[in-house]
Amino acid sequence: EKRLRQQSEDPRTPQTHQPESGISPSPRPCPPEDLEEGEVEEVGEIFTPPSDVLVVEGQAAESFSIDSAQRLTGQIMVWNGQIDAMHKQIDST
């Protein structure tokens, strides 16, 4: 997770809006003084628990090649042609 320091919004300004649930948000840390405007500071890592990961087995990971990109582009062009034909058929009725 990264935080971008912006001059228009001072994170040290207290928040006036409190959530209706009554739970107050955790206080935001003050940015370091040596961080320039527009610089990004690492504030933590994003962690995904193993229970939230979907593992799909039985599919071989195929590298994306020029050949597979050309086949995919060809399929998309065929589908677009079919969609255009359906639009024309709908418009003519």
N, C-alpha and C. Protein backbone atom coordinates (compact mmCIF):
# COMPACT_ATOMS: atom_id res chain seq x y z
N GLU A 1 0.86 -1.16 0.00
CA GLU A 1 0.00 0.00 0.00
C GLU A 1 0.90 1.22 0.00
N LYS A 2 0.59 2.17 -0.85
CA LYS A 2 1.41 3.38 -0.94
C LYS A 2 0.54 4.59 -0.71
N ARG A 3 1.16 5.63 -0.19
CA ARG A 3 0.44 6.87 0.09
C ARG A 3 1.14 7.99 -0.65
N LEU A 4 0.38 8.81 -1.35
CA LEU A 4 0.93 9.94 -2.09
C LEU A 4 0.60 11.21 -1.33
N ARG A 5 1.64 11.98 -1.00
CA ARG A 5 1.42 13.22 -0.26
C ARG A 5 1.00 14.30 -1.24
N GLN A 6 -0.14 14.89 -0.99
CA GLN A 6 -0.65 15.95 -1.85
C GLN A 6 -0.74 17.23 -1.04
N GLN A 7 -0.36 18.34 -1.67
CA GLN A 7 -0.34 19.61 -0.97
C GLN A 7 -1.76 20.08 -0.64
N SER A 8 -2.75 19.74 -1.46
CA SER A 8 -4.10 20.24 -1.26
C SER A 8 -4.79 19.58 -0.07
N GLU A 9 -4.30 18.42 0.37
CA GLU A 9 -4.95 17.73 1.48
C GLU A 9 -3.91 17.45 2.55
N ASP A 10 -4.04 18.08 3.70
CA ASP A 10 -3.11 17.89 4.79
C ASP A 10 -3.62 16.77 5.68
N PRO A 11 -2.90 15.63 5.76
CA PRO A 11 -3.38 14.52 6.57
C PRO A 11 -3.41 14.83 8.07
N ARG A 12 -2.78 15.92 8.48
CA ARG A 12 -2.80 16.27 9.90
C ARG A 12 -4.06 17.01 10.29
N THR A 13 -4.87 17.41 9.30
CA THR A 13 -6.13 18.08 9.59
C THR A 13 -7.11 17.06 10.14
N PRO A 14 -7.73 17.33 11.30
CA PRO A 14 -8.66 16.35 11.87
C PRO A 14 -9.88 16.17 11.00
N GLN A 15 -10.39 14.94 10.96
CA GLN A 15 -11.58 14.67 10.18
C GLN A 15 -12.81 15.08 10.97
N THR A 16 -13.73 15.79 10.31
CA THR A 16 -14.93 16.25 11.01
C THR A 16 -16.07 15.28 10.85
N HIS A 17 -16.05 14.44 9.82
CA HIS A 17 -17.14 13.49 9.58
C HIS A 17 -16.82 12.18 10.30
N GLN A 18 -17.69 11.75 11.15
CA GLN A 18 -17.54 10.48 11.84
C GLN A 18 -18.49 9.48 11.23
N PRO A 19 -18.10 8.23 11.04
CA PRO A 19 -19.01 7.23 10.50
C PRO A 19 -20.21 7.03 11.40
N GLU A 20 -21.36 6.70 10.79
CA GLU A 20 -22.59 6.53 11.55
C GLU A 20 -22.53 5.35 12.49
N SER A 21 -21.65 4.39 12.23
CA SER A 21 -21.58 3.20 13.07
C SER A 21 -20.99 3.52 14.44
N GLY A 22 -20.42 4.69 14.60
CA GLY A 22 -19.85 5.06 15.89
C GLY A 22 -18.40 4.64 16.01
N ILE A 23 -17.86 3.97 15.01
CA ILE A 23 -16.47 3.56 15.05
C ILE A 23 -15.65 4.67 14.43
N SER A 24 -14.73 5.21 15.20
CA SER A 24 -13.91 6.29 14.67
C SER A 24 -12.73 5.70 13.91
N PRO A 25 -12.33 6.34 12.82
CA PRO A 25 -11.21 5.82 12.04
C PRO A 25 -9.91 5.95 12.82
N SER A 26 -8.95 5.08 12.48
CA SER A 26 -7.67 5.16 13.16
C SER A 26 -6.97 6.45 12.73
N PRO A 27 -6.22 7.07 13.62
CA PRO A 27 -5.57 8.34 13.28
C PRO A 27 -4.55 8.13 12.17
N ARG A 28 -4.48 9.10 11.28
CA ARG A 28 -3.52 9.02 10.17
C ARG A 28 -2.16 9.49 10.67
N PRO A 29 -1.10 8.79 10.31
CA PRO A 29 0.23 9.21 10.75
C PRO A 29 0.66 10.48 10.02
N CYS A 30 1.48 11.27 10.70
CA CYS A 30 2.00 12.49 10.08
C CYS A 30 3.07 12.09 9.06
N PRO A 31 3.09 12.75 7.91
CA PRO A 31 4.10 12.41 6.91
C PRO A 31 5.48 12.87 7.37
N PRO A 32 6.52 12.19 6.92
CA PRO A 32 7.87 12.62 7.29
C PRO A 32 8.17 13.99 6.70
N GLU A 33 8.97 14.75 7.40
CA GLU A 33 9.28 16.11 6.97
C GLU A 33 10.14 16.13 5.71
N ASP A 34 10.93 15.07 5.48
CA ASP A 34 11.83 15.07 4.33
C ASP A 34 11.18 14.55 3.05
N LEU A 35 9.88 14.25 3.08
CA LEU A 35 9.17 13.76 1.90
C LEU A 35 8.70 14.95 1.08
N GLU A 36 9.15 15.01 -0.17
CA GLU A 36 8.79 16.11 -1.06
C GLU A 36 7.41 15.86 -1.66
N GLU A 37 6.76 16.94 -2.12
CA GLU A 37 5.45 16.80 -2.75
C GLU A 37 5.56 15.92 -3.99
N GLY A 38 4.64 14.96 -4.11
CA GLY A 38 4.63 14.05 -5.24
C GLY A 38 5.43 12.78 -5.02
N GLU A 39 6.24 12.73 -3.97
CA GLU A 39 7.00 11.52 -3.68
C GLU A 39 6.09 10.49 -3.01
N VAL A 40 6.42 9.23 -3.18
CA VAL A 40 5.63 8.14 -2.62
C VAL A 40 6.41 7.50 -1.49
N GLU A 41 5.72 7.25 -0.39
CA GLU A 41 6.35 6.62 0.77
C GLU A 41 5.71 5.26 0.99
N GLU A 42 6.54 4.23 1.19
CA GLU A 42 6.03 2.91 1.52
C GLU A 42 5.51 2.95 2.96
N VAL A 43 4.25 2.54 3.15
CA VAL A 43 3.69 2.55 4.50
C VAL A 43 3.30 1.16 4.97
N GLY A 44 3.37 0.18 4.13
CA GLY A 44 3.03 -1.18 4.54
C GLY A 44 2.90 -2.08 3.33
N GLU A 45 2.73 -3.36 3.61
CA GLU A 45 2.57 -4.34 2.54
C GLU A 45 1.12 -4.79 2.48
N ILE A 46 0.67 -5.16 1.30
CA ILE A 46 -0.66 -5.71 1.13
C ILE A 46 -0.55 -7.21 1.31
N PHE A 47 -1.38 -7.77 2.17
CA PHE A 47 -1.33 -9.20 2.46
C PHE A 47 -2.67 -9.83 2.13
N THR A 48 -2.65 -10.91 1.37
CA THR A 48 -3.86 -11.65 1.07
C THR A 48 -3.78 -12.99 1.78
N PRO A 49 -4.70 -13.25 2.72
CA PRO A 49 -4.67 -14.53 3.41
C PRO A 49 -4.88 -15.68 2.42
N PRO A 50 -4.29 -16.84 2.68
CA PRO A 50 -4.43 -17.98 1.76
C PRO A 50 -5.88 -18.37 1.51
N SER A 51 -6.77 -18.11 2.45
CA SER A 51 -8.18 -18.48 2.26
C SER A 51 -8.85 -17.63 1.19
N ASP A 52 -8.28 -16.47 0.85
CA ASP A 52 -8.87 -15.58 -0.15
C ASP A 52 -8.32 -15.82 -1.56
N VAL A 53 -7.43 -16.79 -1.70
CA VAL A 53 -6.80 -17.05 -2.99
C VAL A 53 -7.52 -18.21 -3.68
N LEU A 54 -7.92 -18.02 -4.92
CA LEU A 54 -8.57 -19.06 -5.70
C LEU A 54 -7.51 -19.73 -6.57
N VAL A 55 -7.34 -21.01 -6.37
CA VAL A 55 -6.36 -21.77 -7.13
C VAL A 55 -7.10 -22.58 -8.18
N VAL A 56 -6.73 -22.40 -9.43
CA VAL A 56 -7.34 -23.15 -10.53
C VAL A 56 -6.33 -24.18 -11.00
N GLU A 57 -6.71 -25.44 -10.89
CA GLU A 57 -5.80 -26.51 -11.29
C GLU A 57 -6.25 -27.08 -12.63
N GLY A 58 -5.35 -27.71 -13.32
CA GLY A 58 -5.68 -28.38 -14.56
C GLY A 58 -5.50 -27.51 -15.79
N GLN A 59 -5.07 -26.28 -15.61
CA GLN A 59 -4.82 -25.41 -16.75
C GLN A 59 -3.32 -25.13 -16.82
N ALA A 60 -2.72 -25.47 -17.92
CA ALA A 60 -1.30 -25.21 -18.08
C ALA A 60 -1.09 -23.73 -18.36
N ALA A 61 -0.11 -23.17 -17.71
CA ALA A 61 0.20 -21.76 -17.93
C ALA A 61 0.92 -21.64 -19.27
N GLU A 62 0.25 -21.06 -20.25
CA GLU A 62 0.83 -20.90 -21.58
C GLU A 62 1.37 -19.48 -21.69
N SER A 63 2.61 -19.37 -22.10
CA SER A 63 3.17 -18.03 -22.25
C SER A 63 2.46 -17.31 -23.40
N PHE A 64 2.34 -16.02 -23.28
CA PHE A 64 1.64 -15.21 -24.27
C PHE A 64 2.62 -14.92 -25.40
N SER A 65 2.36 -15.50 -26.55
CA SER A 65 3.27 -15.34 -27.68
C SER A 65 2.62 -14.49 -28.77
N ILE A 66 3.40 -14.17 -29.78
CA ILE A 66 2.87 -13.41 -30.92
C ILE A 66 1.78 -14.21 -31.60
N ASP A 67 1.99 -15.53 -31.71
CA ASP A 67 1.00 -16.40 -32.35
C ASP A 67 -0.32 -16.38 -31.59
N SER A 68 -0.26 -16.52 -30.25
CA SER A 68 -1.50 -16.52 -29.48
C SER A 68 -2.17 -15.15 -29.51
N ALA A 69 -1.39 -14.08 -29.56
CA ALA A 69 -1.96 -12.73 -29.66
C ALA A 69 -2.67 -12.55 -31.00
N GLN A 70 -2.09 -13.08 -32.07
CA GLN A 70 -2.71 -12.97 -33.39
C GLN A 70 -4.00 -13.79 -33.45
N ARG A 71 -3.99 -14.99 -32.83
CA ARG A 71 -5.21 -15.79 -32.81
C ARG A 71 -6.31 -15.09 -32.03
N LEU A 72 -5.95 -14.51 -30.90
CA LEU A 72 -6.94 -13.80 -30.08
C LEU A 72 -7.49 -12.59 -30.83
N THR A 73 -6.63 -11.85 -31.50
CA THR A 73 -7.07 -10.70 -32.29
C THR A 73 -8.02 -11.14 -33.40
N GLY A 74 -7.72 -12.25 -34.05
CA GLY A 74 -8.60 -12.77 -35.09
C GLY A 74 -9.96 -13.16 -34.55
N GLN A 75 -9.99 -13.79 -33.38
CA GLN A 75 -11.26 -14.16 -32.75
C GLN A 75 -12.08 -12.93 -32.41
N ILE A 76 -11.43 -11.91 -31.89
CA ILE A 76 -12.14 -10.68 -31.53
C ILE A 76 -12.73 -10.02 -32.78
N MET A 77 -11.98 -10.04 -33.87
CA MET A 77 -12.50 -9.45 -35.12
C MET A 77 -13.72 -10.22 -35.61
N VAL A 78 -13.70 -11.55 -35.50
CA VAL A 78 -14.86 -12.36 -35.90
C VAL A 78 -16.06 -12.02 -35.02
N TRP A 79 -15.83 -11.95 -33.70
CA TRP A 79 -16.93 -11.63 -32.78
C TRP A 79 -17.50 -10.25 -33.06
N ASN A 80 -16.63 -9.28 -33.33
CA ASN A 80 -17.11 -7.93 -33.65
C ASN A 80 -17.97 -7.94 -34.91
N GLY A 81 -17.56 -8.73 -35.91
CA GLY A 81 -18.36 -8.84 -37.12
C GLY A 81 -19.72 -9.45 -36.84
N GLN A 82 -19.75 -10.47 -35.97
CA GLN A 82 -21.02 -11.10 -35.61
C GLN A 82 -21.92 -10.12 -34.84
N ILE A 83 -21.32 -9.34 -33.97
CA ILE A 83 -22.10 -8.34 -33.21
C ILE A 83 -22.65 -7.28 -34.15
N ASP A 84 -21.84 -6.82 -35.10
CA ASP A 84 -22.32 -5.83 -36.08
C ASP A 84 -23.49 -6.38 -36.88
N ALA A 85 -23.40 -7.65 -37.29
CA ALA A 85 -24.49 -8.27 -38.05
C ALA A 85 -25.76 -8.34 -37.21
N MET A 86 -25.62 -8.65 -35.92
CA MET A 86 -26.79 -8.69 -35.03
C MET A 86 -27.41 -7.31 -34.88
N HIS A 87 -26.57 -6.28 -34.76
CA HIS A 87 -27.08 -4.90 -34.66
C HIS A 87 -27.86 -4.52 -35.91
N LYS A 88 -27.32 -4.86 -37.08
CA LYS A 88 -28.00 -4.55 -38.34
C LYS A 88 -29.33 -5.28 -38.43
N GLN A 89 -29.35 -6.55 -37.99
CA GLN A 89 -30.58 -7.33 -38.03
C GLN A 89 -31.62 -6.74 -37.09
N ILE A 90 -31.20 -6.30 -35.92
CA ILE A 90 -32.13 -5.70 -34.95
C ILE A 90 -32.65 -4.37 -35.48
N ASP A 91 -31.76 -3.56 -36.07
CA ASP A 91 -32.16 -2.26 -36.59
C ASP A 91 -33.11 -2.37 -37.78
N SER A 92 -32.99 -3.45 -38.56
CA SER A 92 -33.84 -3.60 -39.74
C SER A 92 -35.24 -4.09 -39.40
N THR A 93 -35.46 -4.58 -38.21
CA THR A 93 -36.80 -5.07 -37.84
C THR A 93 -37.61 -4.00 -37.18
